[in-house]
C-alpha atoms as a PDB file:
ATOM      1  CA  MET A   1       0.074   8.236  19.970  1.00  0.00           C
ATOM      2  CA  ALA A   2       0.151   9.228  16.167  1.00  0.00           C
ATOM      3  CA  SER A   3       1.224  12.932  17.558  1.00  0.00           C
ATOM      4  CA  GLU A   4       3.810  11.317  19.946  1.00  0.00           C
ATOM      5  CA  GLN A   5       6.327  10.686  16.977  1.00  0.00           C
ATOM      6  CA  PRO A   6       5.231  11.459  13.287  1.00  0.00           C
ATOM      7  CA  ILE A   7       6.490   8.572  10.525  1.00  0.00           C
ATOM      8  CA  VAL A   8       4.272  10.137   8.326  1.00  0.00           C
ATOM      9  CA  SER A   9       4.388  13.748   7.040  1.00  0.00           C
ATOM     10  CA  GLY A  10       2.887  16.439   4.646  1.00  0.00           C
ATOM     11  CA  MET A  11      -0.853  16.539   3.305  1.00  0.00           C
ATOM     12  CA  ALA A  12      -1.365  12.745   2.841  1.00  0.00           C
ATOM     13  CA  GLY A  13       0.252  11.734   6.641  1.00  0.00           C
ATOM     14  CA  ARG A  14      -2.195  15.147   7.941  1.00  0.00           C
ATOM     15  CA  TYR A  15      -5.149  13.101   6.499  1.00  0.00           C
ATOM     16  CA  ALA A  16      -3.599   9.674   7.325  1.00  0.00           C
ATOM     17  CA  THR A  17      -3.381  10.606  10.910  1.00  0.00           C
ATOM     18  CA  ALA A  18      -6.739  12.223  11.145  1.00  0.00           C
ATOM     19  CA  LEU A  19      -8.360   8.875   9.868  1.00  0.00           C
ATOM     20  CA  PHE A  20      -6.016   6.560  12.375  1.00  0.00           C
ATOM     21  CA  GLU A  21      -7.189   8.653  15.370  1.00  0.00           C
ATOM     22  CA  LEU A  22     -10.991   8.268  14.389  1.00  0.00           C
ATOM     23  CA  ALA A  23     -10.761   4.877  13.631  1.00  0.00           C
ATOM     24  CA  LEU A  24      -8.618   4.292  16.802  1.00  0.00           C
ATOM     25  CA  GLU A  25     -11.109   6.171  18.777  1.00  0.00           C
ATOM     26  CA  GLU A  26     -14.094   4.301  17.229  1.00  0.00           C
ATOM     27  CA  LYS A  27     -12.400   0.558  17.634  1.00  0.00           C
ATOM     28  CA  ALA A  28     -12.318   0.266  13.953  1.00  0.00           C
ATOM     29  CA  LEU A  29      -8.605   0.298  12.797  1.00  0.00           C
ATOM     30  CA  ASP A  30      -8.561  -3.625  11.190  1.00  0.00           C
ATOM     31  CA  LYS A  31     -12.046  -2.615   9.689  1.00  0.00           C
ATOM     32  CA  VAL A  32     -10.890   0.677   8.477  1.00  0.00           C
ATOM     33  CA  ARG A  33      -7.427  -1.032   6.735  1.00  0.00           C
ATOM     34  CA  ALA A  34      -9.244  -3.867   5.142  1.00  0.00           C
ATOM     35  CA  ASP A  35     -11.823  -1.347   3.339  1.00  0.00           C
ATOM     36  CA  LEU A  36      -8.910   0.855   2.390  1.00  0.00           C
ATOM     37  CA  ASP A  37      -6.869  -1.990   1.070  1.00  0.00           C
ATOM     38  CA  ARG A  38     -10.031  -3.205  -0.704  1.00  0.00           C
ATOM     39  CA  PHE A  39     -10.503   0.375  -2.379  1.00  0.00           C
ATOM     40  CA  ASP A  40      -6.942   0.636  -3.415  1.00  0.00           C
ATOM     41  CA  GLN A  41      -6.763  -3.163  -5.104  1.00  0.00           C
ATOM     42  CA  MET A  42      -9.826  -1.823  -7.138  1.00  0.00           C
ATOM     43  CA  VAL A  43      -8.028   1.251  -8.545  1.00  0.00           C
ATOM     44  CA  GLU A  44      -4.836  -0.879  -9.030  1.00  0.00           C
ATOM     45  CA  GLY A  45      -7.138  -3.414 -10.985  1.00  0.00           C
ATOM     46  CA  SER A  46      -9.241  -0.712 -13.348  1.00  0.00           C
ATOM     47  CA  ASP A  47      -7.508   1.871 -15.313  1.00  0.00           C
ATOM     48  CA  ASP A  48     -10.717   3.535 -15.393  1.00  0.00           C
ATOM     49  CA  LEU A  49     -10.956   3.990 -11.451  1.00  0.00           C
ATOM     50  CA  LYS A  50      -7.537   4.711 -11.732  1.00  0.00           C
ATOM     51  CA  ARG A  51      -8.308   7.623 -14.268  1.00  0.00           C
ATOM     52  CA  LEU A  52     -10.640   8.880 -11.922  1.00  0.00           C
ATOM     53  CA  VAL A  53      -8.584   9.039  -8.857  1.00  0.00           C
ATOM     54  CA  ARG A  54      -5.804  10.650 -10.758  1.00  0.00           C
ATOM     55  CA  SER A  55      -7.051  13.212 -13.243  1.00  0.00           C
ATOM     56  CA  PRO A  56      -7.459  16.848 -12.318  1.00  0.00           C
ATOM     57  CA  VAL A  57     -10.031  16.680 -15.238  1.00  0.00           C
ATOM     58  CA  PHE A  58     -12.822  15.212 -13.157  1.00  0.00           C
ATOM     59  CA  SER A  59     -14.594  17.852 -10.997  1.00  0.00           C
ATOM     60  CA  ALA A  60     -14.712  16.901  -6.655  1.00  0.00           C
ATOM     61  CA  GLU A  61     -18.665  16.216  -7.680  1.00  0.00           C
ATOM     62  CA  GLU A  62     -18.267  13.903 -10.336  1.00  0.00           C
ATOM     63  CA  GLN A  63     -15.741  11.829  -7.968  1.00  0.00           C
ATOM     64  CA  VAL A  64     -17.364  11.742  -5.508  1.00  0.00           C
ATOM     65  CA  LYS A  65     -21.190  10.916  -7.619  1.00  0.00           C
ATOM     66  CA  ALA A  66     -18.812   8.121  -9.160  1.00  0.00           C
ATOM     67  CA  LEU A  67     -17.444   6.809  -6.036  1.00  0.00           C
ATOM     68  CA  ASP A  68     -20.483   6.420  -4.636  1.00  0.00           C
ATOM     69  CA  PRO A  69     -22.185   2.958  -6.051  1.00  0.00           C
ATOM     70  CA  LEU A  70     -18.633   1.871  -6.019  1.00  0.00           C
ATOM     71  CA  LEU A  71     -18.197   2.021  -2.958  1.00  0.00           C
ATOM     72  CA  ARG A  72     -21.318   0.536  -1.985  1.00  0.00           C
ATOM     73  CA  LYS A  73     -21.197  -2.456  -4.225  1.00  0.00           C
ATOM     74  CA  ALA A  74     -17.653  -3.255  -2.553  1.00  0.00           C
ATOM     75  CA  GLY A  75     -19.213  -2.868   0.899  1.00  0.00           C
ATOM     76  CA  ILE A  76     -16.873   0.212   1.600  1.00  0.00           C
ATOM     77  CA  HIS A  77     -19.119   1.933   3.960  1.00  0.00           C
ATOM     78  CA  GLY A  78     -18.492   3.790   7.726  1.00  0.00           C
ATOM     79  CA  ILE A  79     -15.445   5.665   8.431  1.00  0.00           C
ATOM     80  CA  ALA A  80     -13.376   4.456   5.121  1.00  0.00           C
ATOM     81  CA  GLY A  81     -16.627   4.728   2.866  1.00  0.00           C
ATOM     82  CA  ASN A  82     -16.932   8.491   4.266  1.00  0.00           C
ATOM     83  CA  PHE A  83     -12.980   9.483   4.383  1.00  0.00           C
ATOM     84  CA  VAL A  84     -12.668   8.064   0.574  1.00  0.00           C
ATOM     85  CA  LYS A  85     -15.902  10.629  -0.098  1.00  0.00           C
ATOM     86  CA  LEU A  86     -14.654  12.867   2.176  1.00  0.00           C
ATOM     87  CA  VAL A  87     -10.831  12.819   0.283  1.00  0.00           C
ATOM     88  CA  ALA A  88     -12.514  13.515  -3.082  1.00  0.00           C
ATOM     89  CA  SER A  89     -14.651  16.303  -2.016  1.00  0.00           C
ATOM     90  CA  ASN A  90     -11.295  18.066  -0.957  1.00  0.00           C
ATOM     91  CA  ARG A  91      -9.909  17.551  -4.301  1.00  0.00           C
ATOM     92  CA  ARG A  92      -7.436  15.247  -2.889  1.00  0.00           C
ATOM     93  CA  LEU A  93      -8.422  11.910  -4.217  1.00  0.00           C
ATOM     94  CA  PHE A  94      -5.095  12.090  -6.326  1.00  0.00           C
ATOM     95  CA  ALA A  95      -3.168  11.764  -2.928  1.00  0.00           C
ATOM     96  CA  LEU A  96      -5.426   8.560  -1.629  1.00  0.00           C
ATOM     97  CA  PRO A  97      -2.723   6.075  -2.499  1.00  0.00           C
ATOM     98  CA  LEU A  98      -0.104   8.341  -0.401  1.00  0.00           C
ATOM     99  CA  ILE A  99      -2.905   8.764   2.360  1.00  0.00           C
ATOM    100  CA  ILE A 100      -3.680   4.877   2.684  1.00  0.00           C
ATOM    101  CA  ARG A 101      -0.088   4.042   2.845  1.00  0.00           C
ATOM    102  CA  ALA A 102       0.691   6.229   5.467  1.00  0.00           C
ATOM    103  CA  PHE A 103      -2.505   5.256   7.503  1.00  0.00           C
ATOM    104  CA  ARG A 104      -0.964   1.609   7.007  1.00  0.00           C
ATOM    105  CA  ALA A 105       2.406   2.567   8.643  1.00  0.00           C
ATOM    106  CA  LEU A 106       0.235   4.136  11.576  1.00  0.00           C
ATOM    107  CA  VAL A 107      -1.566   0.855  12.046  1.00  0.00           C
ATOM    108  CA  ALA A 108       1.582  -1.353  12.221  1.00  0.00           C
ATOM    109  CA  ARG A 109       3.150   1.205  14.163  1.00  0.00           C
ATOM    110  CA  HIS A 110       0.619   0.989  16.519  1.00  0.00           C
ATOM    111  CA  LYS A 111       0.189  -2.828  16.374  1.00  0.00           C
ATOM    112  CA  GLY A 112       3.757  -3.387  16.658  1.00  0.00           C
ATOM    113  CA  GLU A 113       4.378  -4.704  13.200  1.00  0.00           C
ATOM    114  CA  VAL A 114       6.429  -3.857  10.498  1.00  0.00           C
ATOM    115  CA  SER A 115       5.715  -3.356   6.943  1.00  0.00           C
ATOM    116  CA  ALA A 116       8.038  -5.059   4.180  1.00  0.00           C
ATOM    117  CA  SER A 117       7.323  -5.231   0.487  1.00  0.00           C
ATOM    118  CA  VAL A 118       8.029  -7.777  -2.093  1.00  0.00           C
ATOM    119  CA  THR A 119       8.635  -7.814  -6.000  1.00  0.00           C
ATOM    120  CA  VAL A 120       7.999 -10.962  -7.385  1.00  0.00           C
ATOM    121  CA  ALA A 121       8.210 -11.990 -11.206  1.00  0.00           C
ATOM    122  CA  GLU A 122       4.788 -13.428 -11.057  1.00  0.00           C
ATOM    123  CA  GLN A 123       1.794 -14.018  -8.458  1.00  0.00           C
ATOM    124  CA  LEU A 124       2.949 -16.136  -5.405  1.00  0.00           C
ATOM    125  CA  SER A 125       0.751 -19.136  -4.117  1.00  0.00           C
ATOM    126  CA  ASP A 126      -0.729 -18.861  -0.800  1.00  0.00           C
ATOM    127  CA  ALA A 127       1.771 -21.700   0.627  1.00  0.00           C
ATOM    128  CA  HIS A 128       4.926 -19.397  -0.701  1.00  0.00           C
ATOM    129  CA  LEU A 129       3.283 -16.478   0.546  1.00  0.00           C
ATOM    130  CA  ASN A 130       2.869 -17.934   3.941  1.00  0.00           C
ATOM    131  CA  SER A 131       5.957 -19.469   3.848  1.00  0.00           C
ATOM    132  CA  LEU A 132       7.811 -15.984   3.274  1.00  0.00           C
ATOM    133  CA  LYS A 133       5.991 -13.978   5.508  1.00  0.00           C
ATOM    134  CA  THR A 134       6.733 -16.590   8.414  1.00  0.00           C
ATOM    135  CA  ALA A 135      10.681 -16.414   7.306  1.00  0.00           C
ATOM    136  CA  LEU A 136      10.411 -12.568   7.558  1.00  0.00           C
ATOM    137  CA  ASN A 137       8.466 -12.776  11.448  1.00  0.00           C
ATOM    138  CA  THR A 138      11.036 -14.961  12.459  1.00  0.00           C
ATOM    139  CA  LEU A 139      13.833 -12.738  10.851  1.00  0.00           C
ATOM    140  CA  THR A 140      12.215  -9.626  12.673  1.00  0.00           C
ATOM    141  CA  GLY A 141      10.586 -11.012  15.735  1.00  0.00           C
ATOM    142  CA  LYS A 142       7.611  -9.192  14.968  1.00  0.00           C
ATOM    143  CA  ASP A 143       4.562  -9.588  12.878  1.00  0.00           C
ATOM    144  CA  VAL A 144       5.070  -8.273   9.335  1.00  0.00           C
ATOM    145  CA  ASP A 145       2.582  -6.749   7.204  1.00  0.00           C
ATOM    146  CA  LEU A 146       3.510  -7.817   3.632  1.00  0.00           C
ATOM    147  CA  SER A 147       2.581  -6.266   0.772  1.00  0.00           C
ATOM    148  CA  VAL A 148       3.331  -7.903  -3.007  1.00  0.00           C
ATOM    149  CA  GLU A 149       3.932  -6.232  -5.955  1.00  0.00           C
ATOM    150  CA  VAL A 150       4.327  -8.391  -9.434  1.00  0.00           C
ATOM    151  CA  ASP A 151       7.003  -7.056 -11.996  1.00  0.00           C
ATOM    152  CA  PRO A 152       7.730  -9.409 -14.820  1.00  0.00           C
ATOM    153  CA  GLY A 153      10.492  -7.138 -15.295  1.00  0.00           C
ATOM    154  CA  ILE A 154      12.500  -8.582 -12.912  1.00  0.00           C
ATOM    155  CA  ILE A 155      12.426 -11.996 -14.677  1.00  0.00           C
ATOM    156  CA  GLY A 156      12.946 -14.266 -11.442  1.00  0.00           C
ATOM    157  CA  GLY A 157      13.478 -14.323  -7.946  1.00  0.00           C
ATOM    158  CA  LEU A 158      12.677 -11.324  -5.323  1.00  0.00           C
ATOM    159  CA  VAL A 159      12.929  -7.819  -4.037  1.00  0.00           C
ATOM    160  CA  VAL A 160      12.502  -7.909  -0.297  1.00  0.00           C
ATOM    161  CA  LYS A 161      12.075  -4.117   1.119  1.00  0.00           C
ATOM    162  CA  LEU A 162      12.004  -4.564   5.074  1.00  0.00           C
ATOM    163  CA  GLY A 163      12.069  -0.987   6.845  1.00  0.00           C
ATOM    164  CA  SER A 164      15.794   0.514   5.712  1.00  0.00           C
ATOM    165  CA  ARG A 165      17.002  -2.914   4.225  1.00  0.00           C
ATOM    166  CA  MET A 166      16.775  -4.558   0.713  1.00  0.00           C
ATOM    167  CA  VAL A 167      17.399  -7.804  -0.760  1.00  0.00           C
ATOM    168  CA  ASP A 168      17.239  -8.134  -4.326  1.00  0.00           C
ATOM    169  CA  THR A 169      17.818 -11.476  -5.588  1.00  0.00           C
ATOM    170  CA  SER A 170      16.151 -11.134  -8.827  1.00  0.00           C
ATOM    171  CA  LEU A 171      17.595 -12.292 -11.775  1.00  0.00           C
ATOM    172  CA  ARG A 172      17.781  -8.859 -13.939  1.00  0.00           C
ATOM    173  CA  THR A 173      19.860  -7.805 -11.112  1.00  0.00           C
ATOM    174  CA  LYS A 174      22.170 -11.155 -11.483  1.00  0.00           C
ATOM    175  CA  LEU A 175      22.011 -10.924 -15.353  1.00  0.00           C
ATOM    176  CA  ASN A 176      23.307  -6.787 -15.212  1.00  0.00           C
ATOM    177  CA  SER A 177      26.117  -7.815 -12.486  1.00  0.00           C
ATOM    178  CA  ILE A 178      27.279 -10.365 -15.136  1.00  0.00           C
ATOM    179  CA  LYS A 179      26.843  -7.947 -18.077  1.00  0.00           C
ATOM    180  CA  THR A 180      28.787  -5.362 -16.447  1.00  0.00           C
ATOM    181  CA  ALA A 181      31.534  -7.691 -15.119  1.00  0.00           C
ATOM    182  CA  MET A 182      31.754  -9.095 -19.074  1.00  0.00           C
ATOM    183  CA  LYS A 183      32.300  -5.411 -19.737  1.00  0.00           C
ATOM    184  CA  GLU A 184      35.429  -5.173 -17.151  1.00  0.00           C
ATOM    185  CA  ALA A 185      37.085  -8.276 -18.343  1.00  0.00           C
ATOM    186  CA  ARG A 186      37.270  -6.729 -21.892  1.00  0.00           C
END
């Protein structure tokens, strides 16, 4: 299925497609996606892990050796754990965030889901997150895979990206619009 209409491309797309096809064949899409999401969260939460993933200074052997206990402790094993170690041993660990994003897109397309990203000024409560997801599900008529990013720089409001559409209701954008209007009024 992944090779019918490529929605991902480049090196990250090739890795993601291979992982997707293996996970699909093994009937482990949800498990692999959950493990990769957990690894992605680990990377985002640790500056040292970010440095290990992104820095070309570390050899492939050093990266695999450092990742092995982290993956075990996080319970990431099987297809996802082996995949992360394979990517590291092939000196492509720097591309893992792109590979994970491409894998998510392939899984979403396979399941008939729509991916959306929301940027908020502060972490949303579970109730707000659920109501936002419900509103997006209603709007699209499909199940929405929602990723949330916290950016205090938007001051307040939301920035929602759904496919090729973007709705920016952030306070920062509104203040910039007022500032521009004030300059034009002079």
